[in-house]
């Protein structure tokens, strides 16, 4: 927690961040290909989409696919628009914006800077633009994989999911996917899925206490595997599971790394492969290939050696089948 951290004036932070990303103006040259990343407020070391997207850009620079890369970590949501403009006005060919929070600003920037290509990671868009490439991830498939794993691990034959409000389609798909995966393996298993539907909208994604208490309730009802999704809300559930301890499965980022000792019970996390998607799309753009909206690939943090090889092989096979479409979750895109 950063509650007692000394405050640094916003203007100083902005100057420090921009200075860290200073570069030559060669991005205006036709033979110089430049790509940049604008993160949400979680910063570059978020153990998830920001960090992975930046790693993808760095790999492109290392193998010569891109001439220059840079990034800005957004301090406040009000900075999104000007951070994007900073790179667009300096001639960057591609700007990656990571996180659903930048969706609206990315769409507006695509209109303002038609000569720049924008890749919006984890940003479903209702409107199309020729220079905007939205990338989303199949939450229902990620939840399904978690549900199958939970059913393989449970000894009580009771598993639980703690999720943010079902009013968000992405959260609903995560947890209904979990339910579908668990019952696919064992139709008689008890699957408790609880959404934060009665909570304050001001606590959206940050209701750690609700997540913690809800996971405790599920554990008292016999759940010995807990799946959680929904930012800080989900992290509260993972903390509770780790304290019991029971097995926990995270989403959205590598939750074991993000939580440290508080996430000791997190055996794996399932999240989108942002770095892979960034590399693939930018290489395709450089080759002149066009892309539209894309459902990106996802993976999971490798299970350690205390789990049998057969289980890891089953997960890998299921992962491939989900991505290839050979296994269907039957979870619709929107809540009925």
Protein backbone atom coordinates (compact mmCIF):
# COMPACT_ATOMS: atom_id res chain seq x y z
CA UNK A 1 0.00 0.00 0.00
CA UNK A 2 1.16 3.56 -0.74
CA UNK A 3 -0.99 5.41 1.80
CA UNK A 4 2.03 6.86 3.65
CA UNK A 5 4.19 7.56 0.62
CA UNK A 6 5.31 11.20 0.38
CA UNK A 7 3.44 13.02 -2.38
CA UNK A 8 5.42 14.22 -5.37
CA UNK A 9 3.92 17.24 -7.16
CA UNK A 10 2.16 16.21 -10.35
CA UNK A 11 4.20 18.57 -12.53
CA UNK A 12 7.44 17.04 -11.27
CA UNK A 13 6.15 13.53 -11.96
CA UNK A 14 5.12 14.52 -15.46
CA UNK A 15 8.52 16.04 -16.20
CA UNK A 16 10.32 12.98 -14.84
CA UNK A 17 8.21 10.64 -16.93
CA UNK A 18 8.59 12.62 -20.12
CA UNK A 19 12.32 12.96 -19.57
CA UNK A 20 12.60 9.19 -19.25
CA UNK A 21 11.00 8.82 -22.66
CA UNK A 22 12.99 11.53 -24.49
CA UNK A 23 14.13 10.57 -27.91
CA UNK A 24 15.36 12.09 -31.16
CA UNK A 25 12.79 13.56 -33.59
CA UNK A 26 13.73 11.00 -36.27
CA UNK A 27 10.28 9.40 -36.03
CA UNK A 28 9.12 11.82 -38.72
CA UNK A 29 11.50 10.19 -41.20
CA UNK A 30 9.93 7.63 -43.53
CA UNK A 31 12.75 5.16 -42.92
CA UNK A 32 12.41 5.38 -39.12
CA UNK A 33 9.66 3.24 -37.57
CA UNK A 34 8.69 4.21 -34.03
CA UNK A 35 6.29 2.60 -31.60
CA UNK A 36 5.19 3.76 -28.16
CA UNK A 37 3.13 2.60 -25.21
CA UNK A 38 0.80 4.65 -23.01
CA UNK A 39 -0.17 2.75 -19.87
CA UNK A 40 -3.12 3.14 -17.57
CA UNK A 41 -2.55 4.27 -13.99
CA UNK A 42 -1.27 0.86 -12.84
CA UNK A 43 2.16 1.70 -14.25
CA UNK A 44 4.63 -0.29 -16.30
CA UNK A 45 5.33 -2.91 -13.60
CA UNK A 46 1.78 -4.19 -13.19
CA UNK A 47 2.61 -7.90 -13.74
CA UNK A 48 0.02 -7.80 -16.51
CA UNK A 49 -0.99 -6.07 -19.70
CA UNK A 50 1.19 -2.96 -19.30
CA UNK A 51 4.36 -4.85 -18.47
CA UNK A 52 3.71 -7.47 -21.13
CA UNK A 53 2.97 -4.88 -23.83
CA UNK A 54 6.20 -3.05 -23.01
CA UNK A 55 8.17 -6.30 -23.13
CA UNK A 56 6.69 -6.91 -26.59
CA UNK A 57 7.84 -3.50 -27.81
CA UNK A 58 11.30 -4.01 -26.37
CA UNK A 59 11.58 -7.35 -28.17
CA UNK A 60 10.62 -5.66 -31.44
CA UNK A 61 13.38 -3.10 -30.90
CA UNK A 62 15.88 -5.82 -30.02
CA UNK A 63 15.25 -7.86 -33.17
CA UNK A 64 15.22 -4.80 -35.43
CA UNK A 65 11.52 -4.83 -36.28
CA UNK A 66 11.15 -1.33 -34.78
CA UNK A 67 13.73 1.46 -34.75
CA UNK A 68 12.61 3.28 -31.62
CA UNK A 69 10.35 2.43 -28.69
CA UNK A 70 9.23 4.55 -25.74
CA UNK A 71 6.57 4.60 -23.05
CA UNK A 72 4.75 6.90 -20.66
CA UNK A 73 3.22 5.70 -17.41
CA UNK A 74 0.01 7.61 -16.80
CA UNK A 75 -0.24 9.08 -13.29
CA UNK A 76 -3.89 10.09 -13.52
CA UNK A 77 -6.75 9.20 -15.85
CA UNK A 78 -6.86 12.86 -16.86
CA UNK A 79 -3.41 12.40 -18.41
CA UNK A 80 -4.45 9.77 -20.95
CA UNK A 81 -5.32 12.16 -23.76
CA UNK A 82 -2.21 14.32 -23.53
CA UNK A 83 0.07 11.32 -23.09
CA UNK A 84 -1.25 9.82 -26.32
CA UNK A 85 -0.94 13.19 -28.06
CA UNK A 86 2.68 13.50 -26.91
CA UNK A 87 3.72 10.56 -29.07
CA UNK A 88 1.32 11.22 -31.94
CA UNK A 89 2.58 14.78 -32.36
CA UNK A 90 6.17 13.54 -32.40
CA UNK A 91 5.60 11.31 -35.41
CA UNK A 92 5.31 7.87 -33.83
CA UNK A 93 3.98 5.35 -36.33
CA UNK A 94 2.20 3.11 -33.81
CA UNK A 95 0.87 3.92 -30.36
CA UNK A 96 -0.22 1.09 -28.09
CA UNK A 97 -2.63 2.05 -25.31
CA UNK A 98 -3.14 -0.59 -22.65
CA UNK A 99 -6.24 -1.12 -20.57
CA UNK A 100 -9.94 -0.58 -21.02
CA UNK A 101 -9.68 2.74 -19.19
CA UNK A 102 -8.04 4.32 -22.26
CA UNK A 103 -10.73 3.15 -24.68
CA UNK A 104 -12.47 6.49 -25.24
CA UNK A 105 -9.23 8.48 -25.44
CA UNK A 106 -7.80 6.02 -27.96
CA UNK A 107 -10.88 6.31 -30.17
CA UNK A 108 -10.69 10.12 -30.12
CA UNK A 109 -6.96 10.04 -30.86
CA UNK A 110 -7.58 7.83 -33.91
CA UNK A 111 -9.77 10.62 -35.30
CA UNK A 112 -7.32 13.38 -34.41
CA UNK A 113 -4.22 11.63 -35.79
CA UNK A 114 -5.23 9.63 -38.88
CA UNK A 115 -1.60 9.02 -39.91
CA UNK A 116 -0.87 7.12 -36.69
CA UNK A 117 -1.97 3.53 -36.08
CA UNK A 118 -3.40 2.85 -32.63
CA UNK A 119 -3.49 -0.56 -30.96
CA UNK A 120 -5.93 -0.62 -28.07
CA UNK A 121 -5.10 -3.54 -25.79
CA UNK A 122 -8.09 -4.97 -23.92
CA UNK A 123 -10.33 -2.30 -25.43
CA UNK A 124 -13.61 -3.41 -27.01
CA UNK A 125 -14.83 -0.68 -29.37
CA UNK A 126 -18.35 -0.09 -30.65
CA UNK A 127 -17.08 2.15 -33.46
CA UNK A 128 -14.54 1.25 -36.13
CA UNK A 129 -11.70 3.41 -37.41
CA UNK A 130 -9.28 2.47 -40.22
CA UNK A 131 -6.26 3.32 -38.02
CA UNK A 132 -7.56 1.72 -34.80
CA UNK A 133 -6.90 -1.93 -34.02
CA UNK A 134 -8.74 -3.01 -30.87
CA UNK A 135 -7.53 -6.19 -29.16
CA UNK A 136 -9.75 -8.00 -26.68
CA UNK A 137 -9.32 -11.28 -24.84
CA UNK A 138 -11.85 -14.08 -24.44
CA UNK A 139 -12.73 -13.83 -20.75
CA UNK A 140 -15.16 -16.73 -21.02
CA UNK A 141 -12.37 -19.00 -22.27
CA UNK A 142 -10.00 -17.86 -19.54
CA UNK A 143 -12.66 -18.49 -16.91
CA UNK A 144 -13.43 -21.87 -18.49
CA UNK A 145 -9.78 -22.92 -18.19
CA UNK A 146 -9.81 -21.85 -14.54
CA UNK A 147 -13.01 -23.83 -13.92
CA UNK A 148 -11.57 -27.01 -15.37
CA UNK A 149 -8.43 -26.60 -13.26
CA UNK A 150 -10.47 -25.92 -10.11
CA UNK A 151 -12.49 -29.09 -10.59
CA UNK A 152 -9.32 -31.13 -11.05
CA UNK A 153 -7.87 -29.72 -7.82
CA UNK A 154 -10.83 -29.73 -5.44
CA UNK A 155 -11.09 -32.38 -2.75
CA UNK A 156 -14.35 -31.12 -1.26
CA UNK A 157 -16.06 -30.93 -4.68
CA UNK A 158 -16.99 -27.35 -3.87
CA UNK A 159 -15.38 -24.46 -5.77
CA UNK A 160 -16.06 -20.74 -5.77
CA UNK A 161 -15.63 -17.62 -7.88
CA UNK A 162 -15.50 -14.04 -6.58
CA UNK A 163 -16.15 -11.44 -9.26
CA UNK A 164 -16.84 -7.79 -9.76
CA UNK A 165 -20.35 -6.76 -10.80
CA UNK A 166 -22.14 -8.88 -13.39
CA UNK A 167 -23.20 -5.57 -14.94
CA UNK A 168 -19.81 -5.59 -16.68
CA UNK A 169 -19.94 -8.09 -19.53
CA UNK A 170 -16.23 -8.92 -19.17
CA UNK A 171 -16.66 -9.86 -15.51
CA UNK A 172 -19.81 -11.86 -16.24
CA UNK A 173 -17.99 -13.79 -18.98
CA UNK A 174 -15.07 -14.57 -16.66
CA UNK A 175 -17.23 -16.13 -13.98
CA UNK A 176 -19.84 -17.79 -16.16
CA UNK A 177 -16.94 -19.27 -18.10
CA UNK A 178 -15.60 -20.56 -14.78
CA UNK A 179 -18.96 -22.13 -14.01
CA UNK A 180 -19.11 -23.72 -17.47
CA UNK A 181 -15.60 -25.17 -17.22
CA UNK A 182 -16.15 -26.60 -13.76
CA UNK A 183 -19.44 -28.30 -14.63
CA UNK A 184 -18.02 -29.61 -17.90
CA UNK A 185 -15.62 -31.77 -15.90
CA UNK A 186 -18.14 -32.72 -13.21
CA UNK A 187 -21.81 -31.79 -13.66
CA UNK A 188 -22.48 -32.57 -10.00
CA UNK A 189 -19.82 -30.31 -8.55
CA UNK A 190 -21.01 -27.38 -6.41
CA UNK A 191 -20.01 -24.11 -8.06
CA UNK A 192 -20.66 -20.94 -6.08
CA UNK A 193 -20.32 -17.76 -8.17
CA UNK A 194 -20.80 -14.47 -6.35
CA UNK A 195 -20.84 -11.03 -8.01
CA UNK A 196 -20.46 -7.67 -6.29
CA UNK A 197 -23.82 -6.51 -7.63
CA UNK A 198 -25.01 -4.60 -4.56
CA UNK A 199 -21.83 -2.66 -3.93
CA UNK A 200 -21.08 1.03 -4.43
CA UNK A 201 -20.07 2.05 -7.94
CA UNK A 202 -17.32 4.15 -6.34
CA UNK A 203 -15.67 0.93 -5.15
CA UNK A 204 -15.64 -0.65 -8.61
CA UNK A 205 -12.50 -2.80 -8.98
CA UNK A 206 -11.10 -1.59 -5.64
CA UNK A 207 -13.39 -3.24 -3.08
CA UNK A 208 -10.70 -5.40 -1.50
CA UNK A 209 -12.68 -5.82 1.72
CA UNK A 210 -15.74 -7.19 -0.09
CA UNK A 211 -13.59 -9.62 -2.06
CA UNK A 212 -11.85 -10.78 1.11
CA UNK A 213 -15.07 -11.31 3.06
CA UNK A 214 -16.82 -13.02 0.17
CA UNK A 215 -13.99 -15.51 -0.28
CA UNK A 216 -14.07 -16.25 3.44
CA UNK A 217 -17.80 -17.02 3.19
CA UNK A 218 -17.20 -19.38 0.27
CA UNK A 219 -14.43 -21.17 2.16
CA UNK A 220 -16.73 -21.62 5.15
CA UNK A 221 -19.25 -23.17 2.74
CA UNK A 222 -16.65 -25.78 1.81
CA UNK A 223 -14.92 -24.26 -1.22
CA UNK A 224 -11.29 -25.35 -1.36
CA UNK A 225 -10.47 -23.62 -4.67
CA UNK A 226 -11.21 -19.91 -5.23
CA UNK A 227 -11.15 -18.11 -8.59
CA UNK A 228 -11.20 -14.31 -8.52
CA UNK A 229 -11.47 -11.56 -11.13
CA UNK A 230 -11.95 -7.83 -10.88
CA UNK A 231 -8.83 -5.83 -10.04
CA UNK A 232 -8.39 -5.05 -6.35
CA UNK A 233 -11.77 -6.61 -5.58
CA UNK A 234 -10.54 -9.95 -6.86
CA UNK A 235 -7.21 -9.53 -5.11
CA UNK A 236 -9.03 -9.34 -1.78
CA UNK A 237 -10.47 -12.80 -2.46
CA UNK A 238 -7.04 -14.15 -3.37
CA UNK A 239 -5.61 -12.82 -0.10
CA UNK A 240 -8.33 -14.56 1.89
CA UNK A 241 -7.73 -17.84 0.07
CA UNK A 242 -4.00 -17.58 0.72
CA UNK A 243 -4.53 -17.10 4.45
CA UNK A 244 -6.71 -20.21 4.92
CA UNK A 245 -4.86 -21.63 2.95
CA UNK A 246 -6.76 -22.98 -0.05
CA UNK A 247 -5.77 -23.00 -3.71
CA UNK A 248 -6.48 -19.76 -5.56
CA UNK A 249 -6.59 -18.96 -9.27
CA UNK A 250 -6.07 -15.39 -10.42
CA UNK A 251 -6.96 -13.46 -13.55
CA UNK A 252 -5.93 -10.29 -15.44
CA UNK A 253 -2.27 -10.41 -14.36
CA UNK A 254 0.27 -12.62 -12.60
CA UNK A 255 -1.42 -12.25 -9.23
CA UNK A 256 1.17 -14.23 -7.29
CA UNK A 257 3.82 -11.70 -8.34
CA UNK A 258 1.50 -8.73 -7.89
CA UNK A 259 0.46 -9.75 -4.36
CA UNK A 260 3.78 -11.13 -3.15
CA UNK A 261 3.52 -12.97 0.18
CA UNK A 262 -0.16 -12.04 0.44
CA UNK A 263 -0.78 -14.16 -2.64
CA UNK A 264 1.03 -17.30 -1.50
CA UNK A 265 -2.01 -19.45 -2.29
CA UNK A 266 -2.23 -18.33 -5.92
CA UNK A 267 -1.15 -21.36 -7.90
CA UNK A 268 -1.62 -19.77 -11.33
CA UNK A 269 -3.14 -16.79 -13.10
CA UNK A 270 -4.77 -16.67 -16.51
CA UNK A 271 -4.45 -13.53 -18.61
CA UNK A 272 -4.05 -12.21 -22.14
CA UNK A 273 -0.74 -12.45 -23.97
CA UNK A 274 -0.43 -8.74 -24.68
CA UNK A 275 3.26 -8.88 -25.60
CA UNK A 276 2.66 -11.57 -28.20
CA UNK A 277 -0.22 -9.61 -29.71
CA UNK A 278 1.80 -6.38 -29.88
CA UNK A 279 4.67 -8.11 -31.65
CA UNK A 280 2.48 -9.95 -34.12
CA UNK A 281 0.41 -6.93 -35.07
CA UNK A 282 3.29 -4.51 -35.49
CA UNK A 283 5.27 -7.00 -37.59
CA UNK A 284 2.19 -7.46 -39.77
CA UNK A 285 1.80 -3.68 -40.12
CA UNK A 286 5.40 -3.31 -41.24
CA UNK A 287 4.77 -5.96 -43.88
CA UNK A 288 1.74 -4.06 -45.15
CA UNK A 289 -0.85 -6.50 -43.85
CA UNK A 290 -4.12 -5.06 -42.57
CA UNK A 291 -5.79 -6.00 -39.31
CA UNK A 292 -9.21 -5.36 -37.86
CA UNK A 293 -10.55 -5.98 -34.36
CA UNK A 294 -8.85 -9.03 -32.89
CA UNK A 295 -9.49 -11.51 -30.11
CA UNK A 296 -6.02 -12.07 -28.71
CA UNK A 297 -4.42 -15.22 -27.40
CA UNK A 298 -4.11 -15.93 -23.69
CA UNK A 299 -2.12 -18.22 -21.46
CA UNK A 300 -1.49 -19.08 -17.85
CA UNK A 301 1.36 -18.86 -15.39
CA UNK A 302 3.17 -22.21 -15.39
CA UNK A 303 2.07 -24.57 -12.63
CA UNK A 304 4.97 -25.58 -10.41
CA UNK A 305 6.34 -29.09 -9.98
CA UNK A 306 4.03 -30.03 -7.10
CA UNK A 307 1.31 -30.52 -9.71
CA UNK A 308 1.42 -33.65 -11.87
CA UNK A 309 2.70 -33.42 -15.41
CA UNK A 310 -0.56 -34.93 -16.66
CA UNK A 311 -2.50 -31.95 -15.28
CA UNK A 312 -0.23 -29.44 -16.98
CA UNK A 313 -0.53 -31.36 -20.24
CA UNK A 314 -4.32 -31.38 -19.94
CA UNK A 315 -4.37 -27.62 -19.43
CA UNK A 316 -2.11 -27.05 -22.43
CA UNK A 317 -4.30 -29.22 -24.62
CA UNK A 318 -7.46 -27.47 -23.42
CA UNK A 319 -5.86 -24.07 -23.97
CA UNK A 320 -5.08 -24.95 -27.58
CA UNK A 321 -8.59 -26.32 -28.13
CA UNK A 322 -10.18 -23.17 -26.75
CA UNK A 323 -8.05 -20.87 -28.91
CA UNK A 324 -8.65 -23.02 -32.02
CA UNK A 325 -12.39 -23.09 -31.37
CA UNK A 326 -12.56 -26.86 -30.95
CA UNK A 327 -13.95 -26.37 -27.44
CA UNK A 328 -16.85 -23.94 -26.99
CA UNK A 329 -17.77 -22.36 -23.65
CA UNK A 330 -21.33 -21.52 -24.80
CA UNK A 331 -21.12 -18.30 -22.80
CA UNK A 332 -22.57 -15.40 -24.85
CA UNK A 333 -20.74 -12.11 -25.33
CA UNK A 334 -23.32 -10.23 -23.32
CA UNK A 335 -25.26 -11.10 -20.21
CA UNK A 336 -28.81 -12.09 -21.19
